[in-house]
């Protein structure tokens, strides 16, 4: 399958144009994985992409376009990581996949279509290349090393996505946090719950979401509204046991 991962939203014509470009070259299922990555935010995209790729299988192709530098110096690349293909710009979007994969091969895409717009490589370059890979065809390419990315932690204690329910997804893997931890955000302390029913209606909690990331929610409400949350807000994790035994 081919999975599309972009910041294009679904309100505009861009996603439909990518579907068309793929289906002209390959008769394969095309899945809209996510089209609401925070605009131009490669870092948020990198953490979201690594969390979501676990639902894909070796041989699948992920066409990933968060590309504010389109038409500039950044290279178009193909990354094969643990048997999955990733196609998109070399701008940090594949950083967490690169770090957390056992095997990684990177190539710069040398193939070009007859017509390549300056501003829509998602349609004109990355979608056709993704279709070629899904059909078993390897576009012309050359060895490449992904650009260095500095300062991005292994787990990001920031909100990277807010869904339409108002649930706030963070870049922090839940497996890195102990069960009895408290989260502090916006001067509020939140306890961990297994799921929404762990608290009463209108109460907030943090929990391990289905992607394996820490998520903040309010049962039958919006965590974004109740707590005033926004993408980029940071939080701290506190050991509850240490907190209650701390000398006064």
C-alpha atoms as a PDB file:
ATOM      1  CA  UNK A   1       0.000   0.000   0.000  1.00  0.00           C
ATOM      2  CA  UNK A   2       0.928   3.654  -0.325  1.00  0.00           C
ATOM      3  CA  UNK A   3       0.340   5.915   2.676  1.00  0.00           C
ATOM      4  CA  UNK A   4       0.127   9.709   2.320  1.00  0.00           C
ATOM      5  CA  UNK A   5       1.403  11.883   5.180  1.00  0.00           C
ATOM      6  CA  UNK A   6       1.250  15.660   4.652  1.00  0.00           C
ATOM      7  CA  UNK A   7       0.361  19.063   6.065  1.00  0.00           C
ATOM      8  CA  UNK A   8      -1.895  19.791   3.073  1.00  0.00           C
ATOM      9  CA  UNK A   9      -5.245  19.374   4.914  1.00  0.00           C
ATOM     10  CA  UNK A  10      -8.230  17.860   3.101  1.00  0.00           C
ATOM     11  CA  UNK A  11      -9.931  21.178   2.300  1.00  0.00           C
ATOM     12  CA  UNK A  12      -7.741  21.930  -0.710  1.00  0.00           C
ATOM     13  CA  UNK A  13      -7.157  20.101  -4.021  1.00  0.00           C
ATOM     14  CA  UNK A  14      -3.613  18.918  -3.285  1.00  0.00           C
ATOM     15  CA  UNK A  15      -4.385  15.512  -1.768  1.00  0.00           C
ATOM     16  CA  UNK A  16      -6.677  14.589  -4.644  1.00  0.00           C
ATOM     17  CA  UNK A  17      -3.968  15.560  -7.121  1.00  0.00           C
ATOM     18  CA  UNK A  18      -1.486  13.299  -5.334  1.00  0.00           C
ATOM     19  CA  UNK A  19      -3.940  10.381  -5.511  1.00  0.00           C
ATOM     20  CA  UNK A  20      -4.330  10.955  -9.261  1.00  0.00           C
ATOM     21  CA  UNK A  21      -0.570  11.138  -9.839  1.00  0.00           C
ATOM     22  CA  UNK A  22      -0.093   7.822  -8.036  1.00  0.00           C
ATOM     23  CA  UNK A  23      -2.930   5.982  -9.739  1.00  0.00           C
ATOM     24  CA  UNK A  24      -1.670   6.977 -13.180  1.00  0.00           C
ATOM     25  CA  UNK A  25       1.430   4.854 -12.474  1.00  0.00           C
ATOM     26  CA  UNK A  26       0.377   2.098 -10.075  1.00  0.00           C
ATOM     27  CA  UNK A  27      -2.841   0.224  -9.317  1.00  0.00           C
ATOM     28  CA  UNK A  28      -2.347   0.009  -5.549  1.00  0.00           C
ATOM     29  CA  UNK A  29      -4.410   1.077  -2.537  1.00  0.00           C
ATOM     30  CA  UNK A  30      -3.654   4.641  -1.427  1.00  0.00           C
ATOM     31  CA  UNK A  31      -4.330   5.430   2.236  1.00  0.00           C
ATOM     32  CA  UNK A  32      -4.648   8.941   3.653  1.00  0.00           C
ATOM     33  CA  UNK A  33      -2.624   8.451   6.813  1.00  0.00           C
ATOM     34  CA  UNK A  34      -2.584  12.083   7.984  1.00  0.00           C
ATOM     35  CA  UNK A  35      -3.031  15.379   6.148  1.00  0.00           C
ATOM     36  CA  UNK A  36      -3.128  17.719   9.135  1.00  0.00           C
ATOM     37  CA  UNK A  37       0.467  17.686  10.337  1.00  0.00           C
ATOM     38  CA  UNK A  38       0.947  21.169  11.852  1.00  0.00           C
ATOM     39  CA  UNK A  39       1.710  23.509   8.973  1.00  0.00           C
ATOM     40  CA  UNK A  40       5.391  23.637   7.944  1.00  0.00           C
ATOM     41  CA  UNK A  41       6.389  21.799  11.151  1.00  0.00           C
ATOM     42  CA  UNK A  42       8.917  19.140  10.159  1.00  0.00           C
ATOM     43  CA  UNK A  43       9.794  18.429  13.790  1.00  0.00           C
ATOM     44  CA  UNK A  44       6.227  17.646  14.837  1.00  0.00           C
ATOM     45  CA  UNK A  45       5.902  15.650  11.637  1.00  0.00           C
ATOM     46  CA  UNK A  46       8.990  13.603  12.438  1.00  0.00           C
ATOM     47  CA  UNK A  47       7.592  12.395  15.783  1.00  0.00           C
ATOM     48  CA  UNK A  48       4.103  11.791  14.360  1.00  0.00           C
ATOM     49  CA  UNK A  49       5.491   9.887  11.375  1.00  0.00           C
ATOM     50  CA  UNK A  50       7.538   7.526  13.527  1.00  0.00           C
ATOM     51  CA  UNK A  51       4.528   6.798  15.740  1.00  0.00           C
ATOM     52  CA  UNK A  52       2.194   6.164  12.799  1.00  0.00           C
ATOM     53  CA  UNK A  53       4.558   4.059  10.680  1.00  0.00           C
ATOM     54  CA  UNK A  54       4.218   1.151  13.107  1.00  0.00           C
ATOM     55  CA  UNK A  55       0.866   0.411  11.473  1.00  0.00           C
ATOM     56  CA  UNK A  56       2.569  -0.136   8.105  1.00  0.00           C
ATOM     57  CA  UNK A  57       4.279  -3.277   6.826  1.00  0.00           C
ATOM     58  CA  UNK A  58       7.601  -3.964   5.076  1.00  0.00           C
ATOM     59  CA  UNK A  59       7.159  -3.193   1.400  1.00  0.00           C
ATOM     60  CA  UNK A  60       4.690  -0.376   2.044  1.00  0.00           C
ATOM     61  CA  UNK A  61       5.515   3.103   0.764  1.00  0.00           C
ATOM     62  CA  UNK A  62       4.984   6.279   2.775  1.00  0.00           C
ATOM     63  CA  UNK A  63       4.906   9.460   0.685  1.00  0.00           C
ATOM     64  CA  UNK A  64       5.624  12.197   3.212  1.00  0.00           C
ATOM     65  CA  UNK A  65       5.375  15.880   2.335  1.00  0.00           C
ATOM     66  CA  UNK A  66       5.898  18.599   4.912  1.00  0.00           C
ATOM     67  CA  UNK A  67       8.027  20.760   2.697  1.00  0.00           C
ATOM     68  CA  UNK A  68       8.188  24.518   3.279  1.00  0.00           C
ATOM     69  CA  UNK A  69      11.528  24.543   1.429  1.00  0.00           C
ATOM     70  CA  UNK A  70      10.068  23.089  -1.789  1.00  0.00           C
ATOM     71  CA  UNK A  71      11.983  24.286  -4.805  1.00  0.00           C
ATOM     72  CA  UNK A  72      15.022  25.168  -2.690  1.00  0.00           C
ATOM     73  CA  UNK A  73      18.273  23.432  -1.826  1.00  0.00           C
ATOM     74  CA  UNK A  74      16.840  20.542   0.192  1.00  0.00           C
ATOM     75  CA  UNK A  75      17.238  17.183  -1.541  1.00  0.00           C
ATOM     76  CA  UNK A  76      14.392  14.837  -2.570  1.00  0.00           C
ATOM     77  CA  UNK A  77      15.116  11.442  -1.021  1.00  0.00           C
ATOM     78  CA  UNK A  78      14.027   7.838  -0.729  1.00  0.00           C
ATOM     79  CA  UNK A  79      14.640   6.156   2.620  1.00  0.00           C
ATOM     80  CA  UNK A  80      14.315   2.410   3.099  1.00  0.00           C
ATOM     81  CA  UNK A  81      14.028   1.740   6.832  1.00  0.00           C
ATOM     82  CA  UNK A  82      13.275  -1.745   8.182  1.00  0.00           C
ATOM     83  CA  UNK A  83      11.839  -2.703   4.807  1.00  0.00           C
ATOM     84  CA  UNK A  84       9.470   0.271   4.462  1.00  0.00           C
ATOM     85  CA  UNK A  85       9.971   3.014   1.899  1.00  0.00           C
ATOM     86  CA  UNK A  86       9.736   6.704   2.775  1.00  0.00           C
ATOM     87  CA  UNK A  87       9.688   9.309   0.010  1.00  0.00           C
ATOM     88  CA  UNK A  88       9.926  13.044   0.618  1.00  0.00           C
ATOM     89  CA  UNK A  89      12.212  15.995   1.347  1.00  0.00           C
ATOM     90  CA  UNK A  90      15.452  15.788   3.307  1.00  0.00           C
ATOM     91  CA  UNK A  91      14.525  18.451   5.845  1.00  0.00           C
ATOM     92  CA  UNK A  92      14.376  16.515   9.132  1.00  0.00           C
ATOM     93  CA  UNK A  93      11.020  14.849   8.473  1.00  0.00           C
ATOM     94  CA  UNK A  94      12.613  11.369   8.551  1.00  0.00           C
ATOM     95  CA  UNK A  95      14.860  12.013  11.560  1.00  0.00           C
ATOM     96  CA  UNK A  96      13.016   9.911  14.149  1.00  0.00           C
ATOM     97  CA  UNK A  97      12.449   7.068  11.708  1.00  0.00           C
ATOM     98  CA  UNK A  98      16.181   7.112  10.939  1.00  0.00           C
ATOM     99  CA  UNK A  99      17.158   7.039  14.620  1.00  0.00           C
ATOM    100  CA  UNK A 100      14.757   4.307  15.660  1.00  0.00           C
ATOM    101  CA  UNK A 101      15.101   1.890  12.745  1.00  0.00           C
ATOM    102  CA  UNK A 102      17.459  -1.082  12.759  1.00  0.00           C
ATOM    103  CA  UNK A 103      18.437  -0.776   9.082  1.00  0.00           C
ATOM    104  CA  UNK A 104      18.400   2.410   7.005  1.00  0.00           C
ATOM    105  CA  UNK A 105      19.389   3.045   3.374  1.00  0.00           C
ATOM    106  CA  UNK A 106      19.097   6.535   1.885  1.00  0.00           C
ATOM    107  CA  UNK A 107      19.191   7.661  -1.752  1.00  0.00           C
ATOM    108  CA  UNK A 108      18.802  11.025  -3.408  1.00  0.00           C
ATOM    109  CA  UNK A 109      16.093  10.916  -6.093  1.00  0.00           C
ATOM    110  CA  UNK A 110      17.667  11.733  -9.463  1.00  0.00           C
ATOM    111  CA  UNK A 111      14.637  10.810 -11.579  1.00  0.00           C
ATOM    112  CA  UNK A 112      12.584  13.746 -12.832  1.00  0.00           C
ATOM    113  CA  UNK A 113       9.240  13.855 -14.619  1.00  0.00           C
ATOM    114  CA  UNK A 114       8.828  15.637 -17.948  1.00  0.00           C
ATOM    115  CA  UNK A 115       7.113  18.482 -16.111  1.00  0.00           C
ATOM    116  CA  UNK A 116       8.139  19.470 -12.584  1.00  0.00           C
ATOM    117  CA  UNK A 117       6.484  22.467 -10.991  1.00  0.00           C
ATOM    118  CA  UNK A 118       8.592  24.619  -8.686  1.00  0.00           C
ATOM    119  CA  UNK A 119       6.098  24.486  -5.818  1.00  0.00           C
ATOM    120  CA  UNK A 120       4.316  21.097  -5.855  1.00  0.00           C
ATOM    121  CA  UNK A 121       6.849  18.289  -5.656  1.00  0.00           C
ATOM    122  CA  UNK A 122       4.317  16.268  -3.664  1.00  0.00           C
ATOM    123  CA  UNK A 123       2.283  15.763  -6.828  1.00  0.00           C
ATOM    124  CA  UNK A 124       4.966  15.934  -9.522  1.00  0.00           C
ATOM    125  CA  UNK A 125       7.918  14.106  -7.935  1.00  0.00           C
ATOM    126  CA  UNK A 126       7.196  12.327  -4.661  1.00  0.00           C
ATOM    127  CA  UNK A 127       3.862  10.756  -5.672  1.00  0.00           C
ATOM    128  CA  UNK A 128       5.176   9.250  -8.940  1.00  0.00           C
ATOM    129  CA  UNK A 129       8.289   7.955  -7.170  1.00  0.00           C
ATOM    130  CA  UNK A 130       6.109   6.389  -4.471  1.00  0.00           C
ATOM    131  CA  UNK A 131       4.010   4.737  -7.172  1.00  0.00           C
ATOM    132  CA  UNK A 132       7.129   3.364  -8.883  1.00  0.00           C
ATOM    133  CA  UNK A 133       8.385   1.852  -5.653  1.00  0.00           C
ATOM    134  CA  UNK A 134       4.997   0.287  -4.892  1.00  0.00           C
ATOM    135  CA  UNK A 135       5.002  -1.231  -8.392  1.00  0.00           C
ATOM    136  CA  UNK A 136       8.471  -2.699  -7.887  1.00  0.00           C
ATOM    137  CA  UNK A 137      10.303  -0.148 -10.041  1.00  0.00           C
ATOM    138  CA  UNK A 138      13.368   1.632  -8.641  1.00  0.00           C
ATOM    139  CA  UNK A 139      13.724   5.213  -9.900  1.00  0.00           C
ATOM    140  CA  UNK A 140      17.190   6.492 -10.767  1.00  0.00           C
ATOM    141  CA  UNK A 141      18.961   7.667  -7.627  1.00  0.00           C
ATOM    142  CA  UNK A 142      22.347   8.116  -5.990  1.00  0.00           C
ATOM    143  CA  UNK A 143      23.681   7.425  -2.476  1.00  0.00           C
ATOM    144  CA  UNK A 144      22.852  10.105   0.052  1.00  0.00           C
ATOM    145  CA  UNK A 145      23.260  10.921   3.738  1.00  0.00           C
ATOM    146  CA  UNK A 146      20.370  12.607   5.499  1.00  0.00           C
ATOM    147  CA  UNK A 147      21.101  16.085   6.810  1.00  0.00           C
ATOM    148  CA  UNK A 148      22.146  16.388  10.451  1.00  0.00           C
ATOM    149  CA  UNK A 149      19.430  17.467  12.862  1.00  0.00           C
ATOM    150  CA  UNK A 150      20.555  18.945  16.166  1.00  0.00           C
ATOM    151  CA  UNK A 151      18.633  19.447  19.384  1.00  0.00           C
ATOM    152  CA  UNK A 152      15.717  17.078  18.829  1.00  0.00           C
ATOM    153  CA  UNK A 153      15.361  14.848  21.921  1.00  0.00           C
ATOM    154  CA  UNK A 154      14.524  11.163  21.787  1.00  0.00           C
ATOM    155  CA  UNK A 155      11.191  11.980  23.427  1.00  0.00           C
ATOM    156  CA  UNK A 156       9.671  15.429  22.929  1.00  0.00           C
ATOM    157  CA  UNK A 157       7.781  16.836  25.924  1.00  0.00           C
ATOM    158  CA  UNK A 158       5.598  19.073  23.769  1.00  0.00           C
ATOM    159  CA  UNK A 159       2.169  18.888  22.200  1.00  0.00           C
ATOM    160  CA  UNK A 160       2.599  18.064  18.512  1.00  0.00           C
ATOM    161  CA  UNK A 161      -1.003  17.511  17.381  1.00  0.00           C
ATOM    162  CA  UNK A 162      -4.536  18.322  18.552  1.00  0.00           C
ATOM    163  CA  UNK A 163      -7.351  16.257  17.068  1.00  0.00           C
ATOM    164  CA  UNK A 164     -10.911  17.439  16.441  1.00  0.00           C
ATOM    165  CA  UNK A 165     -12.001  16.127  19.854  1.00  0.00           C
ATOM    166  CA  UNK A 166      -9.518  18.485  21.511  1.00  0.00           C
ATOM    167  CA  UNK A 167      -7.236  15.622  22.575  1.00  0.00           C
ATOM    168  CA  UNK A 168      -3.591  16.742  22.669  1.00  0.00           C
ATOM    169  CA  UNK A 169      -0.993  14.283  21.361  1.00  0.00           C
ATOM    170  CA  UNK A 170       2.594  14.715  22.517  1.00  0.00           C
ATOM    171  CA  UNK A 171       5.918  13.626  21.080  1.00  0.00           C
ATOM    172  CA  UNK A 172       6.691  11.548  24.180  1.00  0.00           C
ATOM    173  CA  UNK A 173       6.563   7.753  24.029  1.00  0.00           C
ATOM    174  CA  UNK A 174       4.464   6.343  26.837  1.00  0.00           C
ATOM    175  CA  UNK A 175       6.840   3.427  27.280  1.00  0.00           C
ATOM    176  CA  UNK A 176       9.382   5.899  28.639  1.00  0.00           C
ATOM    177  CA  UNK A 177       7.112   6.896  31.550  1.00  0.00           C
ATOM    178  CA  UNK A 178       6.229   4.954  34.704  1.00  0.00           C
ATOM    179  CA  UNK A 179       2.583   4.284  35.571  1.00  0.00           C
ATOM    180  CA  UNK A 180       2.471   6.451  38.682  1.00  0.00           C
ATOM    181  CA  UNK A 181       3.747   9.599  37.005  1.00  0.00           C
ATOM    182  CA  UNK A 182       2.012  12.947  37.152  1.00  0.00           C
ATOM    183  CA  UNK A 183       2.063  15.327  34.212  1.00  0.00           C
ATOM    184  CA  UNK A 184       2.324  19.050  34.880  1.00  0.00           C
ATOM    185  CA  UNK A 185       1.080  21.349  32.140  1.00  0.00           C
ATOM    186  CA  UNK A 186      -0.352  24.866  32.303  1.00  0.00           C
ATOM    187  CA  UNK A 187      -0.073  24.794  36.130  1.00  0.00           C
ATOM    188  CA  UNK A 188      -2.273  21.677  36.243  1.00  0.00           C
ATOM    189  CA  UNK A 189      -1.234  18.235  37.465  1.00  0.00           C
ATOM    190  CA  UNK A 190      -2.755  15.339  35.583  1.00  0.00           C
ATOM    191  CA  UNK A 191      -2.738  11.717  36.687  1.00  0.00           C
ATOM    192  CA  UNK A 192      -2.446   8.789  34.321  1.00  0.00           C
ATOM    193  CA  UNK A 193      -5.528   6.866  33.336  1.00  0.00           C
ATOM    194  CA  UNK A 194      -5.886   3.736  31.242  1.00  0.00           C
ATOM    195  CA  UNK A 195      -8.600   5.333  29.113  1.00  0.00           C
ATOM    196  CA  UNK A 196     -11.314   8.010  29.240  1.00  0.00           C
ATOM    197  CA  UNK A 197     -13.546   5.989  31.560  1.00  0.00           C
ATOM    198  CA  UNK A 198     -10.820   6.135  34.207  1.00  0.00           C
ATOM    199  CA  UNK A 199     -12.104   9.604  35.163  1.00  0.00           C
ATOM    200  CA  UNK A 200     -15.469  11.300  35.570  1.00  0.00           C
ATOM    201  CA  UNK A 201     -17.045  13.353  32.758  1.00  0.00           C
ATOM    202  CA  UNK A 202     -15.317  16.716  32.461  1.00  0.00           C
ATOM    203  CA  UNK A 203     -12.095  15.526  34.143  1.00  0.00           C
ATOM    204  CA  UNK A 204      -8.677  15.597  32.476  1.00  0.00           C
ATOM    205  CA  UNK A 205      -6.097  12.824  32.357  1.00  0.00           C
ATOM    206  CA  UNK A 206      -3.067  11.668  30.432  1.00  0.00           C
ATOM    207  CA  UNK A 207      -2.859   8.191  28.952  1.00  0.00           C
ATOM    208  CA  UNK A 208      -1.025   6.008  26.446  1.00  0.00           C
ATOM    209  CA  UNK A 209      -2.762   6.484  23.138  1.00  0.00           C
ATOM    210  CA  UNK A 210      -3.155   3.914  20.364  1.00  0.00           C
ATOM    211  CA  UNK A 211       0.078   5.142  18.716  1.00  0.00           C
ATOM    212  CA  UNK A 212       2.081   4.607  21.915  1.00  0.00           C
ATOM    213  CA  UNK A 213       2.409   8.324  22.702  1.00  0.00           C
ATOM    214  CA  UNK A 214       1.380  10.334  25.750  1.00  0.00           C
ATOM    215  CA  UNK A 215      -1.928  12.044  25.104  1.00  0.00           C
ATOM    216  CA  UNK A 216      -3.968  14.506  27.160  1.00  0.00           C
ATOM    217  CA  UNK A 217      -7.744  14.239  27.102  1.00  0.00           C
ATOM    218  CA  UNK A 218     -10.897  15.273  28.918  1.00  0.00           C
ATOM    219  CA  UNK A 219     -13.668  12.738  29.215  1.00  0.00           C
ATOM    220  CA  UNK A 220     -16.585  13.915  27.064  1.00  0.00           C
ATOM    221  CA  UNK A 221     -14.864  17.249  26.566  1.00  0.00           C
ATOM    222  CA  UNK A 222     -11.952  19.057  24.968  1.00  0.00           C
ATOM    223  CA  UNK A 223      -8.566  19.119  26.698  1.00  0.00           C
ATOM    224  CA  UNK A 224      -7.486  21.922  24.373  1.00  0.00           C
ATOM    225  CA  UNK A 225     -10.404  24.105  25.504  1.00  0.00           C
ATOM    226  CA  UNK A 226     -10.414  23.167  29.200  1.00  0.00           C
ATOM    227  CA  UNK A 227      -6.670  23.525  29.687  1.00  0.00           C
ATOM    228  CA  UNK A 228      -5.988  26.151  27.021  1.00  0.00           C
ATOM    229  CA  UNK A 229      -3.590  23.890  25.129  1.00  0.00           C
ATOM    230  CA  UNK A 230      -1.857  24.643  21.836  1.00  0.00           C
ATOM    231  CA  UNK A 231       0.689  22.917  19.620  1.00  0.00           C
ATOM    232  CA  UNK A 232       4.150  23.561  21.017  1.00  0.00           C
ATOM    233  CA  UNK A 233       3.062  23.730  24.676  1.00  0.00           C
ATOM    234  CA  UNK A 234       5.533  21.868  26.889  1.00  0.00           C
ATOM    235  CA  UNK A 235       4.989  19.741  29.988  1.00  0.00           C
ATOM    236  CA  UNK A 236       6.919  18.027  32.766  1.00  0.00           C
ATOM    237  CA  UNK A 237       6.640  14.516  34.146  1.00  0.00           C
ATOM    238  CA  UNK A 238       6.917  14.071  37.923  1.00  0.00           C
ATOM    239  CA  UNK A 239       7.439  10.877  39.918  1.00  0.00           C
ATOM    240  CA  UNK A 240       4.396  10.791  42.200  1.00  0.00           C
ATOM    241  CA  UNK A 241       6.191   8.775  44.842  1.00  0.00           C
ATOM    242  CA  UNK A 242       9.002  11.301  45.004  1.00  0.00           C
ATOM    243  CA  UNK A 243       6.484  14.119  45.190  1.00  0.00           C
ATOM    244  CA  UNK A 244       4.526  12.788  48.167  1.00  0.00           C
ATOM    245  CA  UNK A 245       7.670  11.927  50.139  1.00  0.00           C
ATOM    246  CA  UNK A 246       9.400  15.225  49.417  1.00  0.00           C
ATOM    247  CA  UNK A 247      10.364  17.033  52.672  1.00  0.00           C
ATOM    248  CA  UNK A 248       8.208  20.071  53.422  1.00  0.00           C
END
